[in-house]
Every structure is written in structure tokens, then in C-alpha cells.
Amino acid sequence: MSDLLWQKSGTHTDERIMRFLAGDDVVLDREFLHHDIEASKAHVQGLANIGIVTAIEAADIVRELSILAQDFASGQFILDERFEDGHSAIEARLTERLGDAGRKVHTGRSRNDQILVATRLWLKDKLRELLVVCRASADVCLERAARESLPLPGYTHLQRAVVSSTALWFAGFAEAFIDDAQRARDTLAWIDANPLGTAAGYGVNLPLDRAHTTQALGFARLQVNPIYAQLSRGKFEIGALDALGAAVLDLRRLAWDLSLFTTAEFAFVHLPAQYTTGSSIMPNKRNPDVIELMRASYASVAAARTEIEQLLSLPSGYQRDLQFSKGAIFHGFRQGLGALALLPDLLARIEWNAATMRAAIEPAMYATDRAVEQAVAGVPFRDAYRNAAESSQTAGQGRTPEGSLAARVSAGASADLRLDELRDRWRAFDE
């Protein structure tokens, strides 16, 4: 391992302890390195603005940082066990290439605000990805809700309840993913604050140009108080995972529906072959593994949130416990976004079995329609309810699924899906 940033002369570092302290940091920091490099560029330019480094030194450092980013992307530079973490790797590289100028790069900052700013930039990228994939899923749902409306049994308690439709099903998930996109955007705005320049949580005795780094890194505002910058670590990560989790929860419900609908017992949905796999022993089987793993993906997001939450039983100020938060957000977002990314294409390709769905609509499923019709005619609803219950097996006489759906005129129901309102909310993300 290269010289440690915090090493003092005359002290000995036990290698076993160092391995424990470093943990997986070097591997995990590969995810952050490009963001750390960009933040280092902004920091150095800010140092030049206040005369801590010369314009020439700043230009040299920024040039070497750009080369490092290219070398890392191409595989010529590998972040490995030679370094304690990504921060030390950046400084070691600059010192190797530029000597004393490279040693100035850490002036006025701490690894604490380095990791904070890299995390913020990374989370902003991931929340943008979340927003995009939620919008894409909502878009497919809106398109299919407008294009096709096939009668579909509606269930409560997994029991046949009333007549529903594929259009209503798609519109329901369209609104869900529009809400999820809204939450992703709101969460992004909430965490869009620049912590660089707060150092170890107490500021520094330099007039750091924090306005410059805020603008250069594309943050909407400054995270003002250095103590709060430290307090927000973990809190912002949990908020981002909550936004992701909301979308993956909707994915889990959708995947559960498809898991049921694709069984031979339901046979409402046919999955494209690429979303299924075969059995290793049973030649007759095609298994819906993709939607099962989509359904399972919420576990990774929830586990990541719980892990970070359990780390936060801490006083104010930085504590090393927070090192473990990195692996949690990486795993949670990798699994959650990976599952969501497959959803738009899956939604576009599923095929409904109209005949099987219609056959599953039994006469008793019109009983609610009959009760409401009697109530409209002046019968007290509780009496109408009992009348319909007593004659539920004949409630379907003279009725069709299409007629039931056409009569469902309450706002948002099958006869009034309000797709234009949902499209307006979807389009609002472009404003």
C-alpha cells in the first residue's frame, strides 16, 4: 500500500489492521473515482481563485486529473490494493507526476468532504437514471392503456371480485411510475447541495471559493453548515434509497401480478421467450425467472437502506462507521436500477390471452354493478347490497364485460381513465 495520507513519522502501521481499516474501499471507490476526479478539478480551480496554487499549477493539476480519468476508463490505471482508497490514489498520482504541485491538492479539504461530494454527484446520476426509467415504464403503460382494453378479472384477497380491464391495469401502473418519477426528481432536488469545502466538518481557515465549486460541479445550492454536511451523510443516501425503493415496490407488485397471470391456472399472460428460462431437469418447463428476480430485487434495496440506517446510531461529527455505507448504496442501486431497466421492454412485449381472461369472468362478478344500479334507482344501498348478494349467481344475466366496464364512469375508472391527465403529469417532467 502506498504512503498513507495520515501517516506520521515514527509510527508503525500493522498490515492486518490496515487491511481491516481499508476493507473494500479500493474496490468500491472505483465506482466513485470519476466523480472524485471531477470534484478535485473544481477544488484546485477554487484554490487558484484564492491564490493557494498558481494558475499554472492549477492547469497542470487539472490536465493530469483528466489524463488519470482517461487512463482509468481505458484500464491503464487500476485502482487496487496499492492504495488505501480512491482519494489517496488521486493524490499519489498527482504527486508522482507533478511533485510539490501535486502535494498541494489536498489543501483546505478532507477525505470527509471528498467522499461527501463524490457521493452526492453519484447519487444525482443514479436518481436521474431512476427518473428516466420510471418515465419510460409509465410511457409504455400509457400507450398500451390507450391502445387496448380487454376484459380482465379484478381481484381482492386473490378472489374474483369485479370486472376489470387491461387498460385499467396499465393505467394504474402508469400513475404509479409517474409518482415514482416525481419522487426521484424531488429527492434529486433535495440532495442537490454542495458539501465540498466543509472539510472534516468544521470548516477551514481559508476563504475557499465554495461558490465556484458549487457552480463548476453543477450543484443547485451550497450545503452551508459544515456540521450538517457530516450529519447528512447517510441521511441523503437513505432518502435516495427510499426513492428507488418506491419504484421497486411498484415493480414488485407488478411482477407478482405477472407471476400469477402467467401460471397455467390463470393463463392470462404470455411472456416472450427471452424473459423465461428452462429447467435443468424438467424438459417441459419454461420458468419466469426474470419477473421472479424483479420481484426479489426490493430485498436488496431494503437491505441497503436498513444497513445504512443501522450505521447512523452516531453522535455528530464524522465517525468511521460511515465507511460501510458505500457498499450498501452501490448494491442497492445496482440491483434496483438493473431490475427497473428491464421493465419498459417487458411491458411492451407481454401478450394478453383475451379468451382465457373472459372465461374467468363469472356471473357473481356483476353483483356490485347490480347493487349500485338499485341504489341509483332509490333503494337504500344496504338493502340493494343484500338483494344483490342473494341473487349473485344470476347477476350476469343479460350483461357483458364490456357493458360493465362502460358503466364504470367514476373518475379514473374504466369508462373514464383520465389518460390525458396522466399524460400531462408525464409531460411536466420536460418543463
Protein backbone atom coordinates (compact mmCIF):
# COMPACT_ATOMS: atom_id res chain seq x y z
CA MET A 1 0.00 0.00 0.00
CA SER A 2 1.31 3.46 -0.89
CA ASP A 3 2.20 6.05 1.74
CA LEU A 4 -0.85 6.80 3.82
CA LEU A 5 -2.23 10.34 3.74
CA TRP A 6 -2.44 10.39 7.53
CA GLN A 7 0.84 8.58 8.32
CA LYS A 8 3.06 10.29 10.93
CA SER A 9 6.77 9.73 11.25
CA GLY A 10 7.90 7.28 13.90
CA THR A 11 4.67 5.25 13.89
CA HIS A 12 4.21 1.68 12.72
CA THR A 13 1.13 0.51 10.81
CA ASP A 14 0.11 -3.10 11.33
CA GLU A 15 -0.76 -4.65 7.96
CA ARG A 16 -3.61 -6.73 9.39
CA ILE A 17 -5.17 -3.66 10.92
CA MET A 18 -4.71 -1.74 7.68
CA ARG A 19 -6.49 -4.47 5.73
CA PHE A 20 -9.38 -4.26 8.17
CA LEU A 21 -9.47 -0.45 8.03
CA ALA A 22 -9.34 -0.33 4.25
CA GLY A 23 -11.93 -3.08 3.85
CA ASP A 24 -13.37 -2.97 0.35
CA ASP A 25 -12.74 0.74 -0.08
CA VAL A 26 -10.37 0.43 -3.01
CA VAL A 27 -12.78 -1.76 -4.95
CA LEU A 28 -15.82 0.32 -4.02
CA ASP A 29 -14.11 3.62 -4.81
CA ARG A 30 -13.80 2.54 -8.45
CA GLU A 31 -17.47 3.47 -8.66
CA PHE A 32 -16.74 6.95 -7.33
CA LEU A 33 -13.37 7.70 -8.92
CA HIS A 34 -14.61 9.77 -11.88
CA HIS A 35 -16.73 11.90 -9.55
CA ASP A 36 -13.81 12.28 -7.14
CA ILE A 37 -11.60 13.42 -10.02
CA GLU A 38 -14.15 16.00 -11.20
CA ALA A 39 -14.51 17.33 -7.66
CA SER A 40 -10.72 17.55 -7.39
CA LYS A 41 -10.60 19.66 -10.55
CA ALA A 42 -13.17 22.07 -9.16
CA HIS A 43 -11.35 22.23 -5.81
CA VAL A 44 -8.00 23.03 -7.41
CA GLN A 45 -9.52 25.74 -9.58
CA GLY A 46 -11.05 27.17 -6.42
CA LEU A 47 -7.65 27.12 -4.73
CA ALA A 48 -6.25 29.06 -7.68
CA ASN A 49 -9.01 31.64 -7.27
CA ILE A 50 -7.79 32.43 -3.75
CA GLY A 51 -4.05 32.24 -4.55
CA ILE A 52 -3.19 28.95 -2.82
CA VAL A 53 -1.93 27.45 -6.08
CA THR A 54 -0.79 29.35 -9.15
CA ALA A 55 -2.75 29.37 -12.38
CA ILE A 56 0.00 27.26 -13.96
CA GLU A 57 -0.09 24.72 -11.12
CA ALA A 58 -3.87 24.53 -11.34
CA ALA A 59 -3.74 23.99 -15.10
CA ASP A 60 -1.12 21.24 -14.66
CA ILE A 61 -3.16 19.51 -11.97
CA VAL A 62 -6.39 19.69 -13.98
CA ARG A 63 -4.57 18.29 -17.02
CA GLU A 64 -3.18 15.37 -15.03
CA LEU A 65 -6.56 14.70 -13.48
CA SER A 66 -8.08 14.48 -16.96
CA ILE A 67 -5.34 12.07 -18.03
CA LEU A 68 -5.98 9.99 -14.90
CA ALA A 69 -9.69 9.81 -15.76
CA GLN A 70 -8.85 8.65 -19.29
CA ASP A 71 -6.33 6.09 -18.02
CA PHE A 72 -8.84 4.76 -15.51
CA ALA A 73 -11.55 4.47 -18.16
CA SER A 74 -9.22 2.63 -20.55
CA GLY A 75 -7.83 0.31 -17.88
CA GLN A 76 -4.31 1.75 -17.99
CA PHE A 77 -4.72 2.90 -14.40
CA ILE A 78 -6.14 0.39 -11.94
CA LEU A 79 -7.37 1.33 -8.51
CA ASP A 80 -6.10 -1.61 -6.46
CA GLU A 81 -4.50 -2.60 -3.16
CA ARG A 82 -1.54 -0.31 -3.76
CA PHE A 83 -3.79 2.45 -2.44
CA GLU A 84 -5.82 2.90 0.72
CA ASP A 85 -8.73 4.36 -1.22
CA GLY A 86 -9.59 6.45 -4.27
CA HIS A 87 -8.71 9.73 -2.57
CA SER A 88 -5.17 8.62 -1.77
CA ALA A 89 -4.79 7.20 -5.29
CA ILE A 90 -5.57 10.61 -6.82
CA GLU A 91 -3.09 12.40 -4.61
CA ALA A 92 -0.40 9.75 -5.14
CA ARG A 93 -0.77 10.00 -8.91
CA LEU A 94 -0.58 13.82 -8.88
CA THR A 95 2.46 13.78 -6.60
CA GLU A 96 4.17 11.23 -8.84
CA ARG A 97 3.56 13.34 -11.94
CA LEU A 98 3.84 16.87 -10.56
CA GLY A 99 5.88 16.70 -7.35
CA ASP A 100 5.16 19.59 -4.97
CA ALA A 101 2.26 20.87 -7.05
CA GLY A 102 0.54 17.51 -6.61
CA ARG A 103 1.09 17.68 -2.86
CA LYS A 104 -0.93 20.90 -2.72
CA VAL A 105 -4.14 19.33 -3.98
CA HIS A 106 -5.42 18.41 -0.52
CA THR A 107 -5.10 21.93 0.87
CA GLY A 108 -8.34 23.01 2.53
CA ARG A 109 -10.18 19.72 2.15
CA SER A 110 -10.58 16.43 3.98
CA ARG A 111 -11.37 12.95 2.79
CA ASN A 112 -14.64 13.60 4.60
CA ASP A 113 -15.85 16.28 2.20
CA GLN A 114 -14.27 14.40 -0.71
CA ILE A 115 -16.46 11.38 -0.10
CA LEU A 116 -19.48 13.56 0.57
CA VAL A 117 -19.20 15.38 -2.75
CA ALA A 118 -18.45 12.19 -4.71
CA THR A 119 -21.47 10.51 -3.13
CA ARG A 120 -23.72 13.47 -3.93
CA LEU A 121 -22.60 13.50 -7.57
CA TRP A 122 -23.05 9.73 -7.86
CA LEU A 123 -26.50 9.82 -6.27
CA LYS A 124 -27.57 12.63 -8.60
CA ASP A 125 -26.60 10.47 -11.58
CA LYS A 126 -28.47 7.46 -10.21
CA LEU A 127 -31.60 9.45 -9.41
CA ARG A 128 -31.60 10.81 -12.97
CA GLU A 129 -31.41 7.21 -14.21
CA LEU A 130 -34.29 6.30 -11.91
CA LEU A 131 -36.38 9.19 -13.21
CA VAL A 132 -35.73 8.17 -16.82
CA VAL A 133 -36.64 4.51 -16.35
CA CYS A 134 -39.79 5.36 -14.36
CA ARG A 135 -40.90 7.70 -17.14
CA ALA A 136 -40.16 5.03 -19.74
CA SER A 137 -42.24 2.46 -17.85
CA ALA A 138 -45.10 4.94 -17.44
CA ASP A 139 -44.89 5.79 -21.14
CA VAL A 140 -45.36 2.16 -22.21
CA CYS A 141 -48.23 1.73 -19.75
CA LEU A 142 -50.00 4.85 -21.03
CA GLU A 143 -49.59 3.77 -24.64
CA ARG A 144 -50.99 0.29 -24.00
CA ALA A 145 -53.82 1.60 -21.82
CA ALA A 146 -54.90 3.84 -24.71
CA ARG A 147 -54.48 1.17 -27.40
CA GLU A 148 -56.20 -1.88 -25.90
CA SER A 149 -58.87 -2.54 -23.31
CA LEU A 150 -59.57 -6.23 -22.81
CA PRO A 151 -61.85 -7.51 -20.05
CA LEU A 152 -59.76 -8.81 -17.15
CA PRO A 153 -60.97 -10.22 -13.82
CA GLY A 154 -60.33 -7.84 -10.93
CA TYR A 155 -59.26 -9.46 -7.66
CA THR A 156 -59.38 -8.60 -3.99
CA HIS A 157 -57.89 -11.02 -1.45
CA LEU A 158 -56.86 -13.06 -4.54
CA GLN A 159 -60.56 -13.85 -5.04
CA ARG A 160 -62.51 -12.90 -8.15
CA ALA A 161 -64.24 -9.63 -7.35
CA VAL A 162 -65.43 -7.41 -10.23
CA VAL A 163 -64.89 -6.95 -13.93
CA SER A 164 -61.72 -5.01 -14.68
CA SER A 165 -59.67 -4.40 -17.83
CA THR A 166 -56.13 -4.49 -19.12
CA ALA A 167 -56.40 -0.75 -19.78
CA LEU A 168 -57.23 -0.08 -16.12
CA TRP A 169 -54.31 -2.32 -15.07
CA PHE A 170 -51.86 -0.49 -17.32
CA ALA A 171 -53.19 2.94 -16.30
CA GLY A 172 -52.75 2.02 -12.64
CA PHE A 173 -49.08 1.23 -13.08
CA ALA A 174 -48.64 4.26 -15.33
CA GLU A 175 -49.72 6.55 -12.50
CA ALA A 176 -47.57 4.62 -10.04
CA PHE A 177 -44.42 5.13 -12.10
CA ILE A 178 -45.27 8.79 -12.74
CA ASP A 179 -45.41 9.25 -8.96
CA ASP A 180 -42.10 7.39 -8.66
CA ALA A 181 -40.52 9.69 -11.24
CA GLN A 182 -41.81 12.70 -9.31
CA ARG A 183 -40.29 11.33 -6.11
CA ALA A 184 -36.97 10.74 -7.83
CA ARG A 185 -36.95 14.32 -9.11
CA ASP A 186 -37.89 15.75 -5.70
CA THR A 187 -35.23 13.67 -3.98
CA LEU A 188 -32.63 14.78 -6.50
CA ALA A 189 -33.52 18.42 -5.78
CA TRP A 190 -33.26 17.74 -2.04
CA ILE A 191 -29.74 16.30 -2.17
CA ASP A 192 -28.51 18.74 -4.84
CA ALA A 193 -26.29 20.62 -2.39
CA ASN A 194 -22.52 21.02 -2.50
CA PRO A 195 -20.64 19.83 0.63
CA LEU A 196 -17.15 20.47 -0.82
CA GLY A 197 -15.30 22.98 1.33
CA THR A 198 -16.72 21.82 4.66
CA ALA A 199 -13.53 19.78 5.24
CA ALA A 200 -13.76 17.45 8.25
CA GLY A 201 -16.96 19.07 9.42
CA TYR A 202 -15.77 22.33 10.97
CA GLY A 203 -14.62 24.44 8.05
CA VAL A 204 -11.04 25.66 7.49
CA ASN A 205 -9.13 28.88 7.99
CA LEU A 206 -9.14 29.67 4.27
CA PRO A 207 -11.60 31.74 2.22
CA LEU A 208 -12.41 28.75 -0.01
CA ASP A 209 -14.28 29.64 -3.18
CA ARG A 210 -17.26 27.44 -2.46
CA ALA A 211 -19.43 29.37 -4.92
CA HIS A 212 -17.04 28.31 -7.69
CA THR A 213 -17.10 24.62 -6.79
CA THR A 214 -20.90 24.69 -6.48
CA GLN A 215 -21.24 26.09 -9.98
CA ALA A 216 -18.44 24.03 -11.53
CA LEU A 217 -19.90 20.76 -10.24
CA GLY A 218 -23.45 21.62 -11.25
CA PHE A 219 -24.99 21.78 -7.79
CA ALA A 220 -28.14 23.82 -7.29
CA ARG A 221 -27.03 25.27 -3.97
CA LEU A 222 -24.40 25.25 -1.27
CA GLN A 223 -24.63 22.92 1.71
CA VAL A 224 -23.83 25.69 4.11
CA ASN A 225 -23.09 24.33 7.56
CA PRO A 226 -20.07 22.01 7.85
CA ILE A 227 -21.51 20.10 10.81
CA TYR A 228 -24.71 19.44 8.87
CA ALA A 229 -22.64 18.26 5.92
CA GLN A 230 -21.40 15.43 8.13
CA LEU A 231 -24.82 14.86 9.68
CA SER A 232 -26.32 14.49 6.21
CA ARG A 233 -24.10 11.55 5.31
CA GLY A 234 -26.30 8.50 5.43
CA LYS A 235 -29.44 10.64 5.65
CA PHE A 236 -29.22 11.60 1.97
CA GLU A 237 -28.32 8.05 0.98
CA ILE A 238 -31.40 6.73 2.79
CA GLY A 239 -33.54 9.34 1.02
CA ALA A 240 -32.21 8.23 -2.36
CA LEU A 241 -32.81 4.57 -1.50
CA ASP A 242 -36.34 5.46 -0.40
CA ALA A 243 -36.99 6.99 -3.82
CA LEU A 244 -35.57 3.90 -5.51
CA GLY A 245 -37.48 1.64 -3.15
CA ALA A 246 -40.81 3.26 -4.02
CA ALA A 247 -40.33 2.37 -7.69
CA VAL A 248 -39.06 -1.13 -6.93
CA LEU A 249 -42.04 -1.73 -4.63
CA ASP A 250 -44.33 -0.95 -7.58
CA LEU A 251 -42.20 -3.26 -9.70
CA ARG A 252 -42.62 -5.98 -7.08
CA ARG A 253 -46.42 -5.67 -7.17
CA LEU A 254 -46.40 -5.73 -10.98
CA ALA A 255 -44.08 -8.74 -11.04
CA TRP A 256 -46.36 -10.55 -8.59
CA ASP A 257 -49.32 -9.97 -10.92
CA LEU A 258 -47.37 -11.33 -13.86
CA SER A 259 -46.14 -14.28 -11.81
CA LEU A 260 -49.74 -15.25 -11.17
CA PHE A 261 -51.09 -14.35 -14.60
CA THR A 262 -48.50 -16.50 -16.39
CA THR A 263 -49.35 -19.69 -14.48
CA ALA A 264 -51.39 -22.38 -16.20
CA GLU A 265 -54.05 -21.85 -13.53
CA PHE A 266 -54.58 -18.24 -14.70
CA ALA A 267 -53.10 -18.29 -18.23
CA PHE A 268 -53.87 -14.59 -18.75
CA VAL A 269 -50.40 -13.54 -19.94
CA HIS A 270 -47.81 -14.96 -22.29
CA LEU A 271 -44.21 -13.87 -21.70
CA PRO A 272 -41.71 -13.50 -24.54
CA ALA A 273 -39.23 -16.37 -24.60
CA GLN A 274 -36.28 -14.13 -23.72
CA TYR A 275 -37.87 -13.39 -20.33
CA THR A 276 -38.04 -17.06 -19.39
CA THR A 277 -35.54 -19.84 -18.77
CA GLY A 278 -35.67 -23.63 -18.90
CA SER A 279 -35.49 -26.15 -16.13
CA SER A 280 -32.26 -28.06 -15.61
CA ILE A 281 -34.15 -31.36 -15.21
CA MET A 282 -37.74 -30.91 -16.47
CA PRO A 283 -37.82 -30.59 -20.27
CA ASN A 284 -41.40 -29.31 -20.24
CA LYS A 285 -40.70 -26.22 -18.15
CA ARG A 286 -40.27 -22.54 -19.06
CA ASN A 287 -39.78 -20.52 -15.91
CA PRO A 288 -40.50 -16.78 -15.45
CA ASP A 289 -37.13 -16.20 -13.80
CA VAL A 290 -36.82 -12.56 -14.91
CA ILE A 291 -40.02 -11.44 -13.24
CA GLU A 292 -39.22 -13.50 -10.16
CA LEU A 293 -35.87 -11.72 -9.79
CA MET A 294 -37.60 -8.40 -10.45
CA ARG A 295 -39.91 -9.28 -7.58
CA ALA A 296 -36.95 -10.17 -5.37
CA SER A 297 -34.97 -7.01 -6.13
CA TYR A 298 -36.73 -4.95 -3.47
CA ALA A 299 -34.95 -7.07 -0.86
CA SER A 300 -31.59 -5.63 -1.94
CA VAL A 301 -32.88 -2.06 -1.80
CA ALA A 302 -34.49 -2.56 1.60
CA ALA A 303 -31.35 -4.27 2.93
CA ALA A 304 -29.19 -1.37 1.77
CA ARG A 305 -31.48 1.12 3.49
CA THR A 306 -31.51 -0.91 6.71
CA GLU A 307 -27.72 -1.26 6.71
CA ILE A 308 -27.21 2.49 6.43
CA GLU A 309 -29.90 3.25 8.99
CA GLN A 310 -28.22 0.92 11.47
CA LEU A 311 -24.91 2.75 10.96
CA LEU A 312 -26.44 6.07 11.95
CA SER A 313 -26.68 5.49 15.68
CA LEU A 314 -23.90 8.07 15.99
CA PRO A 315 -23.13 11.44 17.57
CA SER A 316 -22.47 14.48 15.39
CA GLY A 317 -19.19 14.68 13.53
CA TYR A 318 -17.60 12.09 11.29
CA GLN A 319 -17.28 8.50 12.52
CA ARG A 320 -15.51 5.74 10.59
CA ASP A 321 -18.64 3.57 10.79
CA LEU A 322 -19.93 5.51 7.78
CA GLN A 323 -17.35 3.86 5.53
CA PHE A 324 -19.72 0.89 5.29
CA SER A 325 -22.45 2.99 3.70
CA LYS A 326 -20.75 2.92 0.29
CA GLY A 327 -21.17 -0.77 -0.38
CA ALA A 328 -24.80 -0.59 0.66
CA ILE A 329 -25.83 2.12 -1.81
CA PHE A 330 -23.82 0.56 -4.63
CA HIS A 331 -25.51 -2.82 -4.19
CA GLY A 332 -28.98 -1.39 -3.64
CA PHE A 333 -28.89 0.85 -6.72
CA ARG A 334 -27.21 -1.75 -8.92
CA GLN A 335 -29.90 -4.31 -8.19
CA GLY A 336 -32.84 -1.93 -8.13
CA LEU A 337 -31.98 0.04 -11.26
CA GLY A 338 -30.93 -3.15 -13.03
CA ALA A 339 -34.38 -4.65 -12.49
CA LEU A 340 -36.24 -1.47 -13.42
CA ALA A 341 -34.21 -1.06 -16.61
CA LEU A 342 -35.72 -4.30 -17.99
CA LEU A 343 -39.29 -3.27 -17.27
CA PRO A 344 -40.25 -0.98 -20.21
CA ASP A 345 -39.40 -3.60 -22.81
CA LEU A 346 -41.15 -6.33 -20.83
CA LEU A 347 -44.31 -4.21 -20.55
CA ALA A 348 -44.24 -3.56 -24.27
CA ARG A 349 -43.94 -7.27 -25.11
CA ILE A 350 -46.36 -9.09 -22.80
CA GLU A 351 -49.32 -10.63 -24.60
CA TRP A 352 -52.79 -10.97 -23.08
CA ASN A 353 -54.89 -14.10 -23.58
CA ALA A 354 -58.29 -12.47 -24.17
CA ALA A 355 -60.27 -15.72 -24.31
CA THR A 356 -58.95 -17.05 -21.00
CA MET A 357 -59.49 -13.73 -19.24
CA ARG A 358 -63.08 -13.51 -20.50
CA ALA A 359 -63.78 -17.10 -19.45
CA ALA A 360 -62.63 -16.28 -15.91
CA ILE A 361 -65.29 -13.58 -15.52
CA GLU A 362 -68.12 -15.35 -13.70
CA PRO A 363 -71.73 -14.14 -13.14
CA ALA A 364 -71.21 -13.21 -9.48
CA MET A 365 -68.67 -10.57 -10.52
CA TYR A 366 -71.56 -8.37 -11.74
CA ALA A 367 -73.19 -8.29 -8.28
CA THR A 368 -71.64 -4.97 -7.35
CA ASP A 369 -72.93 -3.43 -10.57
CA ARG A 370 -76.45 -4.65 -9.71
CA ALA A 371 -76.26 -3.25 -6.14
CA VAL A 372 -75.16 0.17 -7.38
CA GLU A 373 -77.86 0.24 -10.06
CA GLN A 374 -80.54 -0.44 -7.43
CA ALA A 375 -79.10 2.30 -5.23
CA VAL A 376 -79.32 4.72 -8.16
CA ALA A 377 -82.98 3.71 -8.53
CA GLY A 378 -83.63 4.73 -4.91
CA VAL A 379 -83.12 1.51 -2.97
CA PRO A 380 -81.04 2.13 0.20
CA PHE A 381 -77.60 0.79 -0.57
CA ARG A 382 -77.54 -1.72 2.29
CA ASP A 383 -80.81 -3.23 1.06
CA ALA A 384 -79.51 -3.21 -2.51
CA TYR A 385 -76.36 -4.94 -1.26
CA ARG A 386 -78.37 -7.74 0.35
CA ASN A 387 -80.56 -8.13 -2.71
CA ALA A 388 -77.52 -8.43 -4.97
CA ALA A 389 -75.85 -10.89 -2.59
CA GLU A 390 -78.88 -13.16 -2.58
CA SER A 391 -79.03 -13.23 -6.38
CA SER A 392 -75.30 -13.01 -7.15
CA GLN A 393 -75.24 -16.18 -9.24
CA THR A 394 -77.75 -14.69 -11.66
CA ALA A 395 -76.25 -11.18 -11.61
CA GLY A 396 -74.66 -11.73 -15.00
CA GLN A 397 -77.86 -12.34 -16.90
CA GLY A 398 -78.04 -10.04 -19.89
CA ARG A 399 -74.65 -8.47 -19.04
CA THR A 400 -71.30 -8.40 -20.78
CA PRO A 401 -67.86 -7.44 -19.52
CA GLU A 402 -67.83 -4.53 -21.97
CA GLY A 403 -71.13 -3.25 -20.62
CA SER A 404 -69.87 -3.42 -17.05
CA LEU A 405 -66.72 -1.52 -17.98
CA ALA A 406 -68.66 1.10 -19.93
CA ALA A 407 -70.88 1.77 -16.90
CA ARG A 408 -67.88 2.36 -14.60
CA VAL A 409 -67.92 6.15 -15.03
CA SER A 410 -66.30 7.33 -11.80
CA ALA A 411 -63.19 9.41 -12.44
CA GLY A 412 -60.24 7.16 -13.21
CA ALA A 413 -62.37 4.03 -13.66
CA SER A 414 -62.62 2.00 -16.86
CA ALA A 415 -65.06 4.34 -18.67
CA ASP A 416 -63.08 7.46 -17.68
CA LEU A 417 -59.42 6.51 -17.39
CA ARG A 418 -58.27 10.16 -17.46
CA LEU A 419 -55.22 9.22 -19.51
CA ASP A 420 -54.86 12.84 -20.66
CA GLU A 421 -54.37 13.94 -17.05
CA LEU A 422 -51.70 11.29 -16.57
CA ARG A 423 -50.00 12.31 -19.83
CA ASP A 424 -49.95 15.93 -18.68
CA ARG A 425 -48.18 14.89 -15.49
CA TRP A 426 -45.77 12.77 -17.55
CA ARG A 427 -45.02 15.69 -19.89
CA ALA A 428 -44.43 18.03 -16.95
CA PHE A 429 -41.03 16.45 -16.44
CA ASP A 430 -39.89 18.12 -19.66
CA GLU A 431 -40.68 21.61 -18.38
